[in-house]
N, C-alpha and C. Protein backbone atom coordinates (compact mmCIF):
# COMPACT_ATOMS: atom_id res chain seq x y z
N MET A 1 127.59 39.10 25.76
CA MET A 1 127.56 40.57 25.76
C MET A 1 128.63 41.18 25.50
N ASN A 2 128.54 42.50 25.19
CA ASN A 2 129.21 43.48 24.41
C ASN A 2 130.26 43.83 26.21
N GLU A 3 131.95 43.85 25.37
CA GLU A 3 132.60 44.16 26.24
C GLU A 3 132.18 46.02 27.13
N ILE A 4 132.31 45.81 28.45
CA ILE A 4 131.93 47.14 29.17
C ILE A 4 133.30 47.95 29.41
N LEU A 5 132.95 49.10 29.27
CA LEU A 5 134.10 50.14 29.61
C LEU A 5 133.63 50.94 30.48
N LEU A 6 134.31 51.65 31.56
CA LEU A 6 134.93 52.93 32.42
C LEU A 6 135.42 53.53 31.80
N VAL A 7 135.04 54.86 31.50
CA VAL A 7 135.61 56.23 30.57
C VAL A 7 135.77 57.43 31.56
N ILE A 8 136.75 57.95 31.40
CA ILE A 8 137.03 59.12 32.50
C ILE A 8 137.06 60.39 31.46
N THR A 9 136.21 61.23 32.17
CA THR A 9 137.19 62.83 31.25
C THR A 9 137.15 64.08 32.43
N ASN A 10 137.41 64.70 31.84
CA ASN A 10 137.39 65.91 33.20
C ASN A 10 136.87 67.22 32.39
N LEU A 11 135.73 67.66 33.16
CA LEU A 11 135.23 68.67 32.31
C LEU A 11 135.81 70.42 33.65
N PRO A 12 135.82 71.67 32.53
CA PRO A 12 136.11 72.95 33.76
C PRO A 12 135.37 73.23 34.97
N ASP A 13 134.06 72.83 34.78
CA ASP A 13 133.11 72.98 35.94
C ASP A 13 131.76 72.40 36.04
N ALA A 14 130.85 72.59 36.84
CA ALA A 14 129.69 71.40 36.91
C ALA A 14 128.65 71.62 35.80
N PRO A 15 128.68 72.76 35.30
CA PRO A 15 127.49 72.97 34.65
C PRO A 15 128.13 72.31 32.92
N SER A 16 129.18 72.36 32.56
CA SER A 16 129.80 71.86 31.40
C SER A 16 129.29 70.20 31.70
N ALA A 17 130.41 69.94 33.05
CA ALA A 17 129.58 68.20 33.34
C ALA A 17 128.67 68.03 32.99
N GLU A 18 127.89 68.38 33.87
CA GLU A 18 126.34 68.41 33.83
C GLU A 18 125.59 67.81 32.26
N LYS A 19 126.08 69.25 31.55
CA LYS A 19 125.18 69.24 30.04
C LYS A 19 125.83 67.96 29.24
N LEU A 20 127.36 67.90 29.70
CA LEU A 20 127.79 66.37 28.56
C LEU A 20 126.99 65.23 29.10
N ALA A 21 127.21 64.96 30.25
CA ALA A 21 126.43 63.72 31.11
C ALA A 21 124.97 63.75 30.40
N ARG A 22 124.52 64.52 30.53
CA ARG A 22 122.98 64.12 30.25
C ARG A 22 122.68 64.09 28.16
N HIS A 23 123.91 65.09 27.83
CA HIS A 23 123.80 64.19 26.28
C HIS A 23 124.54 63.19 25.89
N LEU A 24 125.38 62.84 26.66
CA LEU A 24 126.16 60.97 26.40
C LEU A 24 124.70 60.19 26.68
N ILE A 25 123.86 60.42 28.12
CA ILE A 25 122.59 59.39 28.08
C ILE A 25 121.60 59.58 27.28
N GLU A 26 121.36 60.63 26.77
CA GLU A 26 120.22 61.49 25.68
C GLU A 26 120.68 60.38 24.28
N ALA A 27 121.81 60.38 24.20
CA ALA A 27 122.38 59.68 22.83
C ALA A 27 122.51 58.16 23.14
N ARG A 28 122.45 57.70 24.04
CA ARG A 28 122.46 56.13 24.59
C ARG A 28 123.90 55.72 24.04
N ALA A 29 124.75 56.48 24.20
CA ALA A 29 126.44 56.79 24.34
C ALA A 29 126.56 56.25 25.72
N ALA A 30 125.90 56.22 26.52
CA ALA A 30 126.43 55.56 27.93
C ALA A 30 125.05 55.36 28.39
N ALA A 31 125.19 54.40 29.72
CA ALA A 31 124.53 53.70 30.45
C ALA A 31 124.02 55.04 31.86
N CYS A 32 125.46 55.95 32.47
CA CYS A 32 125.02 55.96 33.34
C CYS A 32 126.63 56.69 33.44
N VAL A 33 126.44 57.99 34.02
CA VAL A 33 127.75 59.08 34.13
C VAL A 33 127.54 59.26 35.39
N ASN A 34 128.67 59.51 36.37
CA ASN A 34 128.69 59.82 37.74
C ASN A 34 129.29 60.88 37.32
N GLN A 35 129.40 62.62 37.78
CA GLN A 35 129.46 63.51 38.32
C GLN A 35 130.36 63.74 39.57
N LEU A 36 131.52 63.65 39.27
CA LEU A 36 132.14 63.28 41.03
C LEU A 36 132.21 65.21 41.47
N ALA A 37 132.95 65.01 42.36
CA ALA A 37 133.41 66.24 43.01
C ALA A 37 134.67 67.45 42.78
N PRO A 38 134.47 68.57 42.69
CA PRO A 38 135.80 68.69 41.67
C PRO A 38 137.11 68.37 42.44
N CYS A 39 138.06 68.80 41.60
CA CYS A 39 139.21 68.18 42.07
C CYS A 39 140.59 69.09 41.34
N ILE A 40 141.76 69.19 41.81
CA ILE A 40 142.61 69.76 41.41
C ILE A 40 143.43 68.96 40.15
N SER A 41 143.81 69.31 38.79
CA SER A 41 144.31 68.64 37.85
C SER A 41 145.79 69.28 38.06
N THR A 42 146.89 68.80 38.06
CA THR A 42 148.25 68.88 37.60
C THR A 42 148.59 68.49 36.50
N TYR A 43 149.49 69.15 35.37
CA TYR A 43 149.51 68.77 34.36
C TYR A 43 150.70 69.63 33.42
N ARG A 44 151.57 69.24 32.28
CA ARG A 44 152.00 70.04 31.70
C ARG A 44 151.54 70.16 30.37
N TRP A 45 151.28 71.46 30.10
CA TRP A 45 150.26 71.89 28.61
C TRP A 45 150.96 72.74 27.96
N LYS A 46 151.51 72.63 26.86
CA LYS A 46 152.22 73.65 25.98
C LYS A 46 153.82 73.94 26.30
N GLY A 47 154.52 72.98 27.17
CA GLY A 47 155.68 73.44 27.61
C GLY A 47 155.60 73.76 29.36
N ASN A 48 154.65 74.24 29.68
CA ASN A 48 154.00 74.50 31.05
C ASN A 48 153.59 74.33 31.82
N ILE A 49 153.83 73.94 33.36
CA ILE A 49 153.23 73.02 33.86
C ILE A 49 151.91 74.00 34.73
N GLU A 50 150.53 73.26 34.90
CA GLU A 50 149.75 74.34 34.74
C GLU A 50 148.69 73.35 36.05
N SER A 51 147.64 74.03 36.86
CA SER A 51 147.10 73.23 38.00
C SER A 51 145.69 73.92 37.17
N ALA A 52 144.47 73.03 37.53
CA ALA A 52 143.18 73.85 37.04
C ALA A 52 142.20 72.97 37.80
N THR A 53 141.13 73.42 38.11
CA THR A 53 139.96 73.04 39.08
C THR A 53 139.43 72.19 37.90
N GLU A 54 138.88 70.89 38.19
CA GLU A 54 138.58 70.04 36.87
C GLU A 54 136.78 69.29 37.67
N VAL A 55 136.36 68.87 36.74
CA VAL A 55 135.03 68.08 37.62
C VAL A 55 135.19 66.87 36.95
N PRO A 56 135.38 65.43 37.21
CA PRO A 56 135.61 64.60 36.76
C PRO A 56 133.73 63.66 36.71
N LEU A 57 134.36 63.01 35.35
CA LEU A 57 132.96 62.34 34.94
C LEU A 57 133.41 60.87 34.62
N LEU A 58 132.87 60.20 35.71
CA LEU A 58 133.07 58.61 35.16
C LEU A 58 131.78 58.11 34.30
N ILE A 59 132.10 57.07 33.29
CA ILE A 59 131.21 57.24 32.15
C ILE A 59 130.78 55.64 31.56
N LYS A 60 130.04 54.72 31.91
CA LYS A 60 129.89 53.76 32.05
C LYS A 60 129.15 53.13 30.57
N THR A 61 129.97 52.75 29.52
CA THR A 61 129.36 52.08 28.45
C THR A 61 130.12 50.87 27.99
N THR A 62 130.03 50.94 26.44
CA THR A 62 130.20 49.39 25.82
C THR A 62 131.32 49.70 24.92
N LEU A 63 131.90 48.61 24.43
CA LEU A 63 133.27 49.11 23.50
C LEU A 63 132.35 49.02 22.38
N ASP A 64 131.03 48.57 21.92
CA ASP A 64 130.63 48.76 20.70
C ASP A 64 130.19 50.67 20.38
N ALA A 65 129.55 51.06 21.79
CA ALA A 65 129.16 52.38 21.73
C ALA A 65 130.14 53.61 21.96
N TYR A 66 131.71 52.91 22.44
CA TYR A 66 132.77 53.81 22.72
C TYR A 66 132.80 55.05 21.44
N PRO A 67 132.96 54.01 19.72
CA PRO A 67 133.49 55.36 19.07
C PRO A 67 132.08 56.50 18.90
N ARG A 68 130.96 56.18 19.53
CA ARG A 68 129.85 57.19 19.30
C ARG A 68 130.37 58.39 20.45
N LEU A 69 130.72 57.38 21.64
CA LEU A 69 131.00 58.28 22.68
C LEU A 69 132.26 59.29 22.59
N GLU A 70 133.28 58.38 21.98
CA GLU A 70 134.21 59.54 21.78
C GLU A 70 133.96 60.77 21.31
N LYS A 71 133.16 60.53 19.93
CA LYS A 71 132.74 61.55 18.84
C LYS A 71 132.06 62.73 19.89
N LEU A 72 130.78 62.04 20.47
CA LEU A 72 130.35 63.15 20.96
C LEU A 72 131.17 63.86 22.27
N ILE A 73 132.26 63.36 22.95
CA ILE A 73 132.61 64.20 23.64
C ILE A 73 133.68 65.31 22.99
N CYS A 74 134.61 64.52 21.96
CA CYS A 74 134.89 65.42 21.44
C CYS A 74 134.53 66.57 20.74
N GLU A 75 133.29 66.53 20.02
CA GLU A 75 132.40 67.61 19.76
C GLU A 75 131.63 68.69 20.68
N ALA A 76 131.54 67.86 21.82
CA ALA A 76 130.78 69.13 23.04
C ALA A 76 132.03 69.60 23.59
N HIS A 77 133.13 68.97 24.04
CA HIS A 77 134.07 69.56 25.21
C HIS A 77 134.93 70.50 24.85
N PRO A 78 135.10 71.68 25.98
CA PRO A 78 135.67 72.92 25.74
C PRO A 78 137.28 72.75 25.52
N TYR A 79 137.46 71.88 25.62
CA TYR A 79 139.02 71.72 25.41
C TYR A 79 139.74 71.38 24.41
N GLU A 80 140.50 71.94 23.50
CA GLU A 80 141.30 71.74 22.91
C GLU A 80 141.58 70.26 22.64
N LEU A 81 142.23 70.03 23.82
CA LEU A 81 142.53 68.07 23.70
C LEU A 81 141.71 67.24 25.08
N PRO A 82 140.57 67.27 25.00
CA PRO A 82 139.77 66.48 25.97
C PRO A 82 140.70 64.99 26.42
N GLU A 83 140.59 64.99 28.30
CA GLU A 83 140.93 63.80 28.41
C GLU A 83 140.06 62.79 28.10
N ILE A 84 140.55 61.69 27.60
CA ILE A 84 139.27 60.54 27.32
C ILE A 84 140.33 59.49 27.59
N VAL A 85 139.71 58.92 28.50
CA VAL A 85 140.59 56.95 28.89
C VAL A 85 139.69 56.42 29.43
N ALA A 86 139.37 55.22 28.49
CA ALA A 86 138.47 54.04 28.32
C ALA A 86 139.45 52.37 29.26
N VAL A 87 138.92 52.32 30.13
CA VAL A 87 139.09 50.83 31.02
C VAL A 87 138.45 50.01 30.97
N SER A 88 138.71 48.96 30.61
CA SER A 88 137.78 47.59 30.58
C SER A 88 137.66 47.26 31.92
N VAL A 89 136.10 46.84 32.15
CA VAL A 89 135.62 46.62 32.98
C VAL A 89 136.27 44.74 32.93
N THR A 90 136.45 44.05 33.88
CA THR A 90 136.45 42.60 33.59
C THR A 90 135.69 41.70 34.36
N THR A 91 135.13 42.42 35.89
CA THR A 91 134.38 42.17 36.47
C THR A 91 133.68 42.65 37.07
N GLY A 92 131.96 42.40 36.94
CA GLY A 92 130.89 42.91 37.99
C GLY A 92 129.90 42.57 38.18
N LEU A 93 128.73 42.87 38.66
CA LEU A 93 127.46 42.29 38.83
C LEU A 93 127.37 42.19 37.68
N PRO A 94 126.71 40.81 37.35
CA PRO A 94 126.52 40.83 36.14
C PRO A 94 124.84 41.20 35.13
N ALA A 95 124.26 41.58 36.05
CA ALA A 95 123.04 42.16 35.63
C ALA A 95 123.13 43.51 35.84
N PHE A 96 124.05 44.31 36.50
CA PHE A 96 124.63 45.72 36.09
C PHE A 96 124.76 46.00 34.83
N LEU A 97 125.90 45.38 34.38
CA LEU A 97 127.03 45.08 33.05
C LEU A 97 125.53 44.53 31.73
N GLY A 98 125.36 43.82 32.26
CA GLY A 98 123.70 43.64 31.17
C GLY A 98 123.21 44.75 30.94
N TRP A 99 122.80 45.58 31.78
CA TRP A 99 122.04 46.82 31.91
C TRP A 99 122.59 47.49 31.38
N ILE A 100 124.28 47.99 31.42
CA ILE A 100 124.82 49.21 30.49
C ILE A 100 124.61 48.72 29.30
N ASP A 101 124.98 47.07 28.70
CA ASP A 101 124.52 46.44 27.39
C ASP A 101 123.51 47.10 26.78
N SER A 102 122.37 47.16 27.21
CA SER A 102 121.45 47.46 26.75
C SER A 102 121.08 48.83 26.89
N GLU A 103 121.24 49.33 28.00
CA GLU A 103 120.77 50.88 27.82
C GLU A 103 122.01 51.55 26.51
N THR A 104 122.85 50.94 26.07
CA THR A 104 124.06 51.61 25.05
C THR A 104 123.70 51.15 23.85
N THR A 105 122.88 50.35 23.31
CA THR A 105 122.32 49.43 22.24
C THR A 105 121.28 50.47 21.67
N ILE A 106 121.32 50.38 20.48
CA ILE A 106 120.53 51.69 19.57
C ILE A 106 120.16 50.37 18.63
N ASN A 107 118.41 50.44 18.86
CA ASN A 107 117.87 49.43 18.08
C ASN A 107 117.94 49.59 16.68
N LYS A 108 118.31 48.53 15.70
CA LYS A 108 118.65 48.68 14.93
C LYS A 108 117.17 48.22 13.41
N GLU A 109 115.90 48.49 14.05
CA GLU A 109 114.98 48.18 13.42
C GLU A 109 114.51 49.15 12.30
């Protein structure tokens, strides 16, 4: 089975988060995307400390699908520099992990 990843990104609002989530699923770059409640992010950007309300997405994908996922996020994301962080999933329900693998596999027929 392919290595499973949990990818995190943040969007500026719920409509853009939902649009990106749907786009990733339709492209089979992700098996599931969780849109979380808005949060406040504080960060340094271009020399200034900023705060913004953002909507986090938790994206379940595979290592093989990651390049496709990253490309789609970068193309569709409204930020100049989107947060894209991937964390390896080392343990999980085998059937669920297998489902992620199958949902992100594009048939090569």
